[in-house]
């Protein structure tokens, strides 16, 4: 009899916990947004993309200039060797200069990639922070406890009434 009473108490406790948990969950509000779409709507993003593209093109022009210089010097050395107008010592000196120029080009390419990544971060971080802050503000102002990002592709179903995109666009003035 005591075992039945203990089992009943445990069952009642478990049922109470489940009911409490389910009412707690039903009180939570969930929202969703497509952050990738939001970013494309922000005018500052378009400006940042243009600035990054211009910066990248400038570095690419410098890189191409260095490559052209290397190729012309290499071609000139090859032609001079074919004509037999270069001494062995001069050939070795010019080949060493070409190797040094090749190393400089490789270093420039690596530095350019780092500079582009740094510029991208410099331009995009303030925009991403602004979007994140607007999403957080809208969530707090409208009682949402969780906001899911649909651009991440992990939400398989969502009611359209919980889309906070219009609220965030209003918050950002777009």
N, C-alpha and C. Protein backbone atom coordinates (compact mmCIF):
# COMPACT_ATOMS: atom_id res chain seq x y z
N UNK A 1 0.83 -1.19 0.00
CA UNK A 1 0.00 0.00 0.00
C UNK A 1 0.87 1.26 0.00
N UNK A 2 1.95 1.23 0.76
CA UNK A 2 2.87 2.36 0.83
C UNK A 2 3.53 2.60 -0.52
N UNK A 3 3.84 1.51 -1.24
CA UNK A 3 4.44 1.65 -2.57
C UNK A 3 3.47 2.32 -3.54
N UNK A 4 2.20 1.96 -3.45
CA UNK A 4 1.19 2.56 -4.33
C UNK A 4 1.06 4.04 -4.02
N UNK A 5 1.08 4.39 -2.75
CA UNK A 5 0.97 5.79 -2.35
C UNK A 5 2.17 6.58 -2.86
N UNK A 6 3.39 6.03 -2.73
CA UNK A 6 4.60 6.70 -3.22
C UNK A 6 4.56 6.85 -4.74
N UNK A 7 4.10 5.81 -5.43
CA UNK A 7 3.98 5.87 -6.88
C UNK A 7 2.98 6.95 -7.29
N UNK A 8 1.86 7.04 -6.59
CA UNK A 8 0.85 8.06 -6.87
C UNK A 8 1.41 9.47 -6.64
N UNK A 9 2.15 9.67 -5.56
CA UNK A 9 2.75 10.97 -5.26
C UNK A 9 3.76 11.34 -6.36
N UNK A 10 4.58 10.37 -6.76
CA UNK A 10 5.57 10.62 -7.81
C UNK A 10 4.88 10.96 -9.13
N UNK A 11 3.81 10.23 -9.45
CA UNK A 11 3.06 10.48 -10.67
C UNK A 11 2.43 11.87 -10.64
N UNK A 12 1.84 12.23 -9.52
CA UNK A 12 1.21 13.55 -9.38
C UNK A 12 2.25 14.65 -9.51
N UNK A 13 3.40 14.45 -8.90
CA UNK A 13 4.49 15.45 -8.99
C UNK A 13 4.94 15.60 -10.45
N UNK A 14 5.15 14.48 -11.13
CA UNK A 14 5.58 14.50 -12.53
C UNK A 14 4.55 15.19 -13.41
N UNK A 15 3.28 14.91 -13.18
CA UNK A 15 2.20 15.54 -13.93
C UNK A 15 2.19 17.05 -13.69
N UNK A 16 2.38 17.44 -12.45
CA UNK A 16 2.43 18.87 -12.12
C UNK A 16 3.58 19.58 -12.80
N UNK A 17 4.75 18.95 -12.82
CA UNK A 17 5.92 19.53 -13.50
C UNK A 17 5.65 19.67 -14.98
N UNK A 18 5.04 18.66 -15.58
CA UNK A 18 4.75 18.71 -17.02
C UNK A 18 3.74 19.82 -17.33
N UNK A 19 2.72 19.94 -16.50
CA UNK A 19 1.72 21.00 -16.73
C UNK A 19 2.35 22.37 -16.56
N UNK A 20 3.19 22.52 -15.53
CA UNK A 20 3.87 23.80 -15.30
C UNK A 20 4.77 24.15 -16.48
N UNK A 21 5.53 23.15 -16.96
CA UNK A 21 6.44 23.39 -18.07
C UNK A 21 5.68 23.74 -19.33
N UNK A 22 4.56 23.06 -19.59
CA UNK A 22 3.82 23.34 -20.82
C UNK A 22 3.15 24.70 -20.77
N UNK A 23 2.67 25.14 -19.62
CA UNK A 23 2.08 26.47 -19.55
C UNK A 23 3.16 27.52 -19.65
N UNK A 24 4.33 27.21 -19.12
CA UNK A 24 5.45 28.15 -19.21
C UNK A 24 5.87 28.32 -20.67
N UNK A 25 5.94 27.22 -21.41
CA UNK A 25 6.34 27.29 -22.81
C UNK A 25 5.29 27.98 -23.66
N UNK A 26 4.02 27.75 -23.36
CA UNK A 26 2.99 28.37 -24.18
C UNK A 26 2.94 29.88 -23.97
N UNK A 27 3.49 30.36 -22.88
CA UNK A 27 3.49 31.80 -22.62
C UNK A 27 4.63 32.49 -23.38
N UNK A 28 5.57 31.74 -23.88
CA UNK A 28 6.70 32.32 -24.60
C UNK A 28 6.29 32.66 -26.03
N UNK A 29 6.80 33.78 -26.52
CA UNK A 29 6.52 34.19 -27.91
C UNK A 29 7.76 33.94 -28.75
N UNK A 30 7.53 33.40 -29.90
CA UNK A 30 8.60 33.12 -30.84
C UNK A 30 8.37 33.95 -32.09
N UNK A 31 9.43 34.48 -32.63
CA UNK A 31 9.35 35.24 -33.88
C UNK A 31 10.41 34.77 -34.84
N UNK A 32 10.36 35.25 -36.06
CA UNK A 32 11.36 34.87 -37.04
C UNK A 32 11.64 36.04 -37.98
N UNK A 33 12.81 35.97 -38.59
CA UNK A 33 13.21 36.98 -39.56
C UNK A 33 14.22 36.35 -40.50
N UNK A 34 14.29 36.86 -41.70
CA UNK A 34 15.31 36.44 -42.66
C UNK A 34 16.37 37.54 -42.64
N UNK A 35 17.45 37.33 -41.90
CA UNK A 35 18.45 38.38 -41.72
C UNK A 35 19.19 38.68 -43.03
N UNK A 36 19.35 37.70 -43.88
CA UNK A 36 20.01 37.94 -45.17
C UNK A 36 19.18 38.92 -46.00
N UNK A 37 17.87 38.73 -46.01
CA UNK A 37 16.99 39.65 -46.73
C UNK A 37 17.03 41.03 -46.10
N UNK A 38 17.03 41.09 -44.78
CA UNK A 38 17.10 42.37 -44.08
C UNK A 38 18.36 43.14 -44.48
N UNK A 39 19.48 42.45 -44.51
CA UNK A 39 20.75 43.11 -44.86
C UNK A 39 20.73 43.66 -46.28
N UNK A 40 20.10 42.93 -47.21
CA UNK A 40 20.04 43.43 -48.59
C UNK A 40 19.16 44.67 -48.70
N UNK A 41 18.25 44.86 -47.76
CA UNK A 41 17.36 46.03 -47.78
C UNK A 41 18.00 47.27 -47.16
N UNK A 42 19.07 47.08 -46.42
CA UNK A 42 19.70 48.21 -45.73
C UNK A 42 20.58 48.99 -46.71
N UNK A 43 20.32 50.31 -46.88
CA UNK A 43 21.11 51.11 -47.80
C UNK A 43 22.60 51.11 -47.46
N UNK A 44 22.94 51.07 -46.21
CA UNK A 44 24.34 51.08 -45.81
C UNK A 44 25.06 49.83 -46.30
N UNK A 45 24.33 48.73 -46.48
CA UNK A 45 24.95 47.50 -46.98
C UNK A 45 25.35 47.66 -48.44
N UNK A 46 24.48 48.29 -49.21
CA UNK A 46 24.80 48.52 -50.62
C UNK A 46 26.03 49.40 -50.75
N UNK A 47 26.11 50.42 -49.93
CA UNK A 47 27.26 51.33 -49.94
C UNK A 47 28.53 50.58 -49.54
N UNK A 48 28.44 49.74 -48.52
CA UNK A 48 29.61 48.98 -48.06
C UNK A 48 30.09 48.02 -49.15
N UNK A 49 29.16 47.37 -49.82
CA UNK A 49 29.53 46.45 -50.90
C UNK A 49 30.23 47.19 -52.03
N UNK A 50 29.75 48.39 -52.37
CA UNK A 50 30.39 49.19 -53.42
C UNK A 50 31.79 49.60 -53.01
N UNK A 51 31.94 50.04 -51.77
CA UNK A 51 33.26 50.44 -51.27
C UNK A 51 34.23 49.25 -51.27
N UNK A 52 33.75 48.09 -50.86
CA UNK A 52 34.60 46.90 -50.83
C UNK A 52 34.99 46.48 -52.25
N UNK A 53 34.06 46.58 -53.16
CA UNK A 53 34.35 46.23 -54.56
C UNK A 53 35.40 47.18 -55.14
N UNK A 54 35.29 48.46 -54.86
CA UNK A 54 36.27 49.45 -55.34
C UNK A 54 37.65 49.16 -54.74
N UNK A 55 37.69 48.90 -53.46
CA UNK A 55 38.94 48.59 -52.77
C UNK A 55 39.59 47.35 -53.37
N UNK A 56 38.79 46.32 -53.63
CA UNK A 56 39.29 45.07 -54.19
C UNK A 56 39.84 45.29 -55.60
N UNK A 57 39.14 46.10 -56.39
CA UNK A 57 39.61 46.38 -57.75
C UNK A 57 40.94 47.13 -57.74
N UNK A 58 41.11 48.06 -56.82
CA UNK A 58 42.37 48.80 -56.71
C UNK A 58 43.53 47.85 -56.41
N UNK A 59 43.31 46.94 -55.46
CA UNK A 59 44.36 45.98 -55.13
C UNK A 59 44.63 45.04 -56.30
N UNK A 60 43.59 44.64 -57.00
CA UNK A 60 43.75 43.76 -58.15
C UNK A 60 44.55 44.45 -59.26
N UNK A 61 44.31 45.73 -59.47
CA UNK A 61 45.09 46.47 -60.48
C UNK A 61 46.57 46.51 -60.10
N UNK A 62 46.84 46.74 -58.82
CA UNK A 62 48.24 46.75 -58.36
C UNK A 62 48.87 45.38 -58.57
N UNK A 63 48.11 44.34 -58.26
CA UNK A 63 48.60 42.98 -58.41
C UNK A 63 48.89 42.67 -59.88
N UNK A 64 47.96 43.02 -60.75
CA UNK A 64 48.15 42.78 -62.18
C UNK A 64 49.36 43.54 -62.72
N UNK A 65 49.57 44.74 -62.23
CA UNK A 65 50.74 45.52 -62.64
C UNK A 65 52.03 44.82 -62.25
N UNK A 66 52.07 44.28 -61.05
CA UNK A 66 53.25 43.55 -60.59
C UNK A 66 53.48 42.29 -61.43
N UNK A 67 52.40 41.60 -61.76
CA UNK A 67 52.50 40.38 -62.57
C UNK A 67 53.03 40.74 -63.97
N UNK A 68 52.50 41.80 -64.55
CA UNK A 68 52.94 42.22 -65.87
C UNK A 68 54.42 42.59 -65.87
N UNK A 69 54.83 43.31 -64.83
CA UNK A 69 56.25 43.68 -64.69
C UNK A 69 57.12 42.42 -64.60
N UNK A 70 56.71 41.47 -63.81
CA UNK A 70 57.46 40.22 -63.65
C UNK A 70 57.57 39.49 -64.99
N UNK A 71 56.43 39.37 -65.68
CA UNK A 71 56.42 38.64 -66.95
C UNK A 71 57.29 39.30 -68.00
N UNK A 72 57.26 40.64 -68.05
CA UNK A 72 58.09 41.32 -69.05
C UNK A 72 59.58 41.16 -68.73
N UNK A 73 59.96 41.22 -67.47
CA UNK A 73 61.36 41.02 -67.08
C UNK A 73 61.80 39.59 -67.35
N UNK A 74 60.91 38.64 -67.09
CA UNK A 74 61.22 37.24 -67.35
C UNK A 74 61.38 37.00 -68.85
N UNK A 75 60.49 37.57 -69.64
CA UNK A 75 60.56 37.42 -71.09
C UNK A 75 61.84 38.05 -71.64
N UNK A 76 62.20 39.23 -71.13
CA UNK A 76 63.42 39.93 -71.58
C UNK A 76 64.65 39.08 -71.26
N UNK A 77 64.70 38.50 -70.06
CA UNK A 77 65.83 37.64 -69.70
C UNK A 77 65.90 36.44 -70.64
N UNK A 78 64.76 35.81 -70.90
CA UNK A 78 64.73 34.65 -71.79
C UNK A 78 65.24 35.03 -73.18
N UNK A 79 64.79 36.18 -73.71
CA UNK A 79 65.21 36.62 -75.03
C UNK A 79 66.71 36.92 -75.04
N UNK A 80 67.21 37.58 -74.00
CA UNK A 80 68.63 37.90 -73.93
C UNK A 80 69.48 36.64 -73.85
N UNK A 81 68.98 35.64 -73.16
CA UNK A 81 69.69 34.36 -73.08
C UNK A 81 69.71 33.70 -74.45
N UNK A 82 68.57 33.73 -75.16
CA UNK A 82 68.49 33.12 -76.49
C UNK A 82 69.43 33.81 -77.48
N UNK A 83 69.57 35.13 -77.33
CA UNK A 83 70.46 35.90 -78.21
C UNK A 83 71.92 35.73 -77.83
N UNK A 84 72.16 35.25 -76.62
CA UNK A 84 73.53 35.04 -76.16
C UNK A 84 74.23 36.32 -75.73
N UNK A 85 73.45 37.32 -75.35
CA UNK A 85 74.05 38.61 -74.97
C UNK A 85 74.13 38.80 -73.45
N UNK A 86 73.93 37.72 -72.72
CA UNK A 86 73.96 37.80 -71.26
C UNK A 86 75.05 36.87 -70.75
N UNK A 87 75.86 37.40 -69.87
CA UNK A 87 76.90 36.55 -69.26
C UNK A 87 76.25 35.64 -68.23
N UNK A 88 76.97 34.62 -67.85
CA UNK A 88 76.47 33.68 -66.85
C UNK A 88 76.20 34.40 -65.52
N UNK A 89 77.07 35.30 -65.12
CA UNK A 89 76.92 36.04 -63.87
C UNK A 89 75.69 36.95 -63.94
N UNK A 90 75.53 37.65 -65.08
CA UNK A 90 74.37 38.54 -65.25
C UNK A 90 73.07 37.72 -65.27
N UNK A 91 73.10 36.57 -65.89
CA UNK A 91 71.92 35.70 -65.94
C UNK A 91 71.53 35.28 -64.51
N UNK A 92 72.49 34.89 -63.71
CA UNK A 92 72.21 34.49 -62.33
C UNK A 92 71.68 35.67 -61.51
N UNK A 93 72.25 36.85 -61.73
CA UNK A 93 71.81 38.05 -61.00
C UNK A 93 70.37 38.39 -61.36
N UNK A 94 70.06 38.37 -62.65
CA UNK A 94 68.70 38.71 -63.08
C UNK A 94 67.70 37.63 -62.65
N UNK A 95 68.12 36.39 -62.65
CA UNK A 95 67.24 35.30 -62.20
C UNK A 95 66.96 35.47 -60.70
N UNK A 96 67.95 35.86 -59.93
CA UNK A 96 67.75 36.10 -58.49
C UNK A 96 66.80 37.28 -58.28
N UNK A 97 66.95 38.32 -59.12
CA UNK A 97 66.04 39.46 -59.02
C UNK A 97 64.60 39.05 -59.34
N UNK A 98 64.46 38.18 -60.34
CA UNK A 98 63.13 37.68 -60.69
C UNK A 98 62.54 36.85 -59.54
N UNK A 99 63.36 36.05 -58.90
CA UNK A 99 62.89 35.25 -57.77
C UNK A 99 62.46 36.16 -56.62
N UNK A 100 63.23 37.21 -56.39
CA UNK A 100 62.88 38.17 -55.34
C UNK A 100 61.56 38.89 -55.69
N UNK A 101 61.39 39.23 -56.95
CA UNK A 101 60.15 39.87 -57.40
C UNK A 101 58.96 38.92 -57.25
N UNK A 102 59.18 37.63 -57.54
CA UNK A 102 58.13 36.62 -57.38
C UNK A 102 57.70 36.52 -55.92
N UNK A 103 58.66 36.54 -55.01
CA UNK A 103 58.37 36.51 -53.58
C UNK A 103 57.60 37.76 -53.16
N UNK A 104 57.98 38.91 -53.69
CA UNK A 104 57.29 40.17 -53.37
C UNK A 104 55.84 40.10 -53.83
N UNK A 105 55.62 39.53 -55.00
CA UNK A 105 54.26 39.39 -55.53
C UNK A 105 53.44 38.46 -54.64
N UNK A 106 54.02 37.35 -54.21
CA UNK A 106 53.31 36.41 -53.34
C UNK A 106 52.96 37.07 -52.01
N UNK A 107 53.89 37.84 -51.47
CA UNK A 107 53.63 38.57 -50.22
C UNK A 107 52.53 39.61 -50.41
N UNK A 108 52.56 40.29 -51.55
CA UNK A 108 51.53 41.28 -51.85
C UNK A 108 50.16 40.62 -51.93
N UNK A 109 50.10 39.45 -52.57
CA UNK A 109 48.84 38.74 -52.72
C UNK A 109 48.28 38.35 -51.34
N UNK A 110 49.12 37.84 -50.47
CA UNK A 110 48.69 37.46 -49.13
C UNK A 110 48.24 38.69 -48.33
N UNK A 111 49.01 39.75 -48.40
CA UNK A 111 48.66 40.99 -47.69
C UNK A 111 47.36 41.58 -48.23
N UNK A 112 47.17 41.49 -49.54
CA UNK A 112 45.94 42.01 -50.16
C UNK A 112 44.72 41.24 -49.66
N UNK A 113 44.84 39.92 -49.56
CA UNK A 113 43.73 39.11 -49.04
C UNK A 113 43.41 39.51 -47.61
N UNK A 114 44.44 39.74 -46.80
CA UNK A 114 44.24 40.16 -45.42
C UNK A 114 43.61 41.55 -45.36
N UNK A 115 44.08 42.44 -46.24
CA UNK A 115 43.53 43.80 -46.27
C UNK A 115 42.05 43.80 -46.68
N UNK A 116 41.70 42.95 -47.63
CA UNK A 116 40.30 42.84 -48.07
C UNK A 116 39.44 42.31 -46.93
N UNK A 117 39.93 41.30 -46.23
CA UNK A 117 39.17 40.76 -45.09
C UNK A 117 39.01 41.82 -44.00
N UNK A 118 40.06 42.58 -43.75
CA UNK A 118 39.98 43.64 -42.75
C UNK A 118 39.02 44.74 -43.16
N UNK A 119 39.06 45.11 -44.42
CA UNK A 119 38.15 46.15 -44.93
C UNK A 119 36.71 45.66 -44.87
N UNK A 120 36.48 44.40 -45.21
CA UNK A 120 35.13 43.83 -45.15
C UNK A 120 34.61 43.89 -43.71
N UNK A 121 35.46 43.51 -42.77
CA UNK A 121 35.07 43.55 -41.36
C UNK A 121 34.79 44.99 -40.91
N UNK A 122 35.66 45.91 -41.31
CA UNK A 122 35.50 47.33 -40.95
C UNK A 122 34.19 47.90 -41.49
N UNK A 123 33.83 47.52 -42.70
CA UNK A 123 32.62 48.06 -43.33
C UNK A 123 31.34 47.35 -42.85
N UNK A 124 31.41 46.04 -42.67
CA UNK A 124 30.20 45.28 -42.38
C UNK A 124 29.84 45.18 -40.90
N UNK A 125 30.83 45.17 -40.02
CA UNK A 125 30.52 45.01 -38.60
C UNK A 125 29.53 46.06 -38.07
N UNK A 126 29.70 47.35 -38.38
CA UNK A 126 28.71 48.31 -37.89
C UNK A 126 27.30 48.05 -38.42
N UNK A 127 27.20 47.59 -39.65
CA UNK A 127 25.90 47.29 -40.25
C UNK A 127 25.27 46.08 -39.58
N UNK A 128 26.07 45.04 -39.37
CA UNK A 128 25.57 43.84 -38.69
C UNK A 128 25.15 44.16 -37.26
N UNK A 129 25.94 44.99 -36.59
CA UNK A 129 25.60 45.39 -35.22
C UNK A 129 24.29 46.17 -35.18
N UNK A 130 24.10 47.05 -36.15
CA UNK A 130 22.87 47.85 -36.22
C UNK A 130 21.66 46.95 -36.44
N UNK A 131 21.78 46.00 -37.35
CA UNK A 131 20.68 45.07 -37.62
C UNK A 131 20.39 44.22 -36.38
N UNK A 132 21.44 43.73 -35.75
CA UNK A 132 21.26 42.91 -34.54
C UNK A 132 20.57 43.72 -33.44
N UNK A 133 20.99 44.96 -33.27
CA UNK A 133 20.39 45.80 -32.23
C UNK A 133 18.92 46.06 -32.53
N UNK A 134 18.58 46.30 -33.79
CA UNK A 134 17.19 46.53 -34.17
C UNK A 134 16.34 45.28 -33.90
N UNK A 135 16.88 44.11 -34.21
CA UNK A 135 16.16 42.86 -33.97
C UNK A 135 15.93 42.67 -32.47
N UNK A 136 16.97 42.92 -31.69
CA UNK A 136 16.84 42.79 -30.23
C UNK A 136 15.82 43.79 -29.67
N UNK A 137 15.86 45.03 -30.16
CA UNK A 137 14.92 46.04 -29.69
C UNK A 137 13.48 45.65 -30.01
N UNK A 138 13.25 45.19 -31.24
CA UNK A 138 11.90 44.78 -31.64
C UNK A 138 11.44 43.60 -30.80
N UNK A 139 12.32 42.66 -30.55
CA UNK A 139 11.96 41.50 -29.74
C UNK A 139 11.55 41.93 -28.33
N UNK A 140 12.32 42.81 -27.74
CA UNK A 140 12.00 43.29 -26.39
C UNK A 140 10.72 44.10 -26.37
N UNK A 141 10.56 45.00 -27.33
CA UNK A 141 9.39 45.88 -27.38
C UNK A 141 8.09 45.12 -27.64
N UNK A 142 8.20 43.97 -28.32
CA UNK A 142 7.00 43.22 -28.69
C UNK A 142 6.85 41.91 -27.94
N UNK A 143 7.63 41.71 -26.91
CA UNK A 143 7.48 40.55 -26.05
C UNK A 143 7.92 39.23 -26.63
N UNK A 144 8.81 39.24 -27.63
CA UNK A 144 9.33 37.98 -28.17
C UNK A 144 10.49 37.53 -27.30
N UNK A 145 10.47 36.25 -26.96
CA UNK A 145 11.57 35.71 -26.17
C UNK A 145 12.62 35.06 -27.06
N UNK A 146 12.21 34.58 -28.21
CA UNK A 146 13.13 33.95 -29.15
C UNK A 146 12.84 34.46 -30.55
N UNK A 147 13.90 34.73 -31.30
CA UNK A 147 13.78 35.10 -32.71
C UNK A 147 14.65 34.12 -33.49
N UNK A 148 14.05 33.46 -34.45
CA UNK A 148 14.77 32.51 -35.30
C UNK A 148 15.14 33.19 -36.61
N UNK A 149 16.33 32.88 -37.10
CA UNK A 149 16.80 33.44 -38.36
C UNK A 149 16.52 32.43 -39.48
N UNK A 150 15.60 32.77 -40.37
CA UNK A 150 15.23 31.85 -41.44
C UNK A 150 16.33 31.69 -42.48
N UNK A 151 17.24 32.66 -42.58
CA UNK A 151 18.31 32.54 -43.56
C UNK A 151 19.28 31.42 -43.18
N UNK A 152 19.28 31.01 -41.91
CA UNK A 152 20.12 29.89 -41.48
C UNK A 152 19.55 28.56 -41.95
N UNK A 153 18.26 28.56 -42.30
CA UNK A 153 17.65 27.37 -42.88
C UNK A 153 17.30 26.28 -41.89
N UNK A 154 17.23 26.59 -40.62
CA UNK A 154 16.97 25.53 -39.65
C UNK A 154 15.51 25.48 -39.19
N UNK A 155 14.68 26.43 -39.58
CA UNK A 155 13.28 26.45 -39.18
C UNK A 155 12.46 25.90 -40.35
N UNK A 156 11.75 24.80 -40.10
CA UNK A 156 11.02 24.15 -41.18
C UNK A 156 9.59 24.64 -41.33
N UNK A 157 9.02 25.17 -40.28
CA UNK A 157 7.67 25.72 -40.34
C UNK A 157 7.59 26.94 -39.45
N UNK A 158 6.83 27.92 -39.89
CA UNK A 158 6.62 29.12 -39.09
C UNK A 158 5.33 29.78 -39.53
N UNK A 159 4.58 30.32 -38.57
CA UNK A 159 3.37 31.05 -38.94
C UNK A 159 3.76 32.44 -39.45
N UNK A 160 3.18 32.89 -40.54
CA UNK A 160 3.56 34.18 -41.11
C UNK A 160 3.27 35.36 -40.18
N UNK A 161 2.40 35.18 -39.21
CA UNK A 161 2.07 36.30 -38.32
C UNK A 161 3.20 36.65 -37.37
N UNK A 162 4.18 35.77 -37.20
CA UNK A 162 5.29 36.03 -36.29
C UNK A 162 6.53 36.57 -37.00
N UNK A 163 6.37 36.98 -38.25
CA UNK A 163 7.49 37.56 -38.99
C UNK A 163 7.72 38.98 -38.48
N UNK A 164 8.90 39.23 -37.94
CA UNK A 164 9.18 40.55 -37.38
C UNK A 164 9.87 41.48 -38.39
N UNK A 165 10.02 41.03 -39.65
CA UNK A 165 10.69 41.85 -40.66
C UNK A 165 10.05 43.24 -40.78
N UNK A 166 8.72 43.37 -40.87
CA UNK A 166 8.15 44.72 -40.98
C UNK A 166 8.49 45.60 -39.77
N UNK A 167 8.52 45.02 -38.60
CA UNK A 167 8.83 45.80 -37.39
C UNK A 167 10.29 46.26 -37.41
N UNK A 168 11.19 45.37 -37.82
CA UNK A 168 12.62 45.72 -37.86
C UNK A 168 12.88 46.75 -38.95
N UNK A 169 12.22 46.60 -40.10
CA UNK A 169 12.38 47.59 -41.17
C UNK A 169 11.91 48.96 -40.70
N UNK A 170 10.83 49.01 -39.97
CA UNK A 170 10.34 50.28 -39.41
C UNK A 170 11.36 50.83 -38.42
N UNK A 171 11.91 49.98 -37.59
CA UNK A 171 12.89 50.38 -36.59
C UNK A 171 14.13 50.99 -37.26
N UNK A 172 14.52 50.42 -38.41
CA UNK A 172 15.69 50.89 -39.13
C UNK A 172 15.37 52.04 -40.10
N UNK A 173 14.11 52.31 -40.28
CA UNK A 173 13.71 53.38 -41.19
C UNK A 173 13.82 53.01 -42.65
N UNK A 174 13.64 51.73 -42.96
CA UNK A 174 13.71 51.29 -44.36
C UNK A 174 12.41 50.65 -44.78
